[in-house]
Amino acid sequence: MYTPAWLMGLVCRAGSYMVYGTTEEAEWIYEKIQRPSSYFIVAMNLLYWRVGMARVSGIVAMMLEPVTNCNLRCSYCPLTLQADLLDGKRPELMAWETFRAAVDTAPRSVETIQLCGIGEPTLHPEVCAMIEYIAERGKRASLFSNGTLLEGELLDNLTRTPLSVLNISVEPDRDTAKT
């Protein structure tokens, strides 16, 4: 079912205004949802939150952390700030079977699966296959990256995937973004 762009924009701006008191944060909603049913779920979740009800109508986006390591040490990142809490607690790379199980058991309402979190997802040797798998399951794939590894073969392979959204996080302080 096609949702007109003006309606998507209106819902995104309304949600942004409800949460932040401004419409300037509307992009975070649009990058996660595009199905009409997802807009209804988000609208209901925001309404419940706004009136103080402890209820969730549905989940439209899910985050997966395929990697718990990074090639940088940005000053604002939990990996840098809480490295001692994470050290050795989880495997550095998510196993393929764990990834598949997470995607396959996601609620039907999940529209977007984000590959992001504490580590740099492009360090995972199967990141492109993960994006393909997400898309094959009828979900949108979103990738958060520091962008420093997006070159050569990896970049060529990523451009061939059905990636829906690529977010690049930029460390503003050159001295603290160390490899």
Foldseek 3Di string as FASTA:
>chain_A
DADDPVVLLVLLQVLCCLVPVGSPPSVVVVLQDDDPVLSVQSVVQSVCVSVVHPDHSFAAEEEDAQAQAEQWQFPPACCNVVVVVVPPPDDGGDDPVNLVVCLVPHDPNHAEYEHDHRYALLVHPCSLVSLQSNVVVNHAYEYEHCPPPCDDPSVVSNVPGRHRYYHHDHRPDPVRTHD
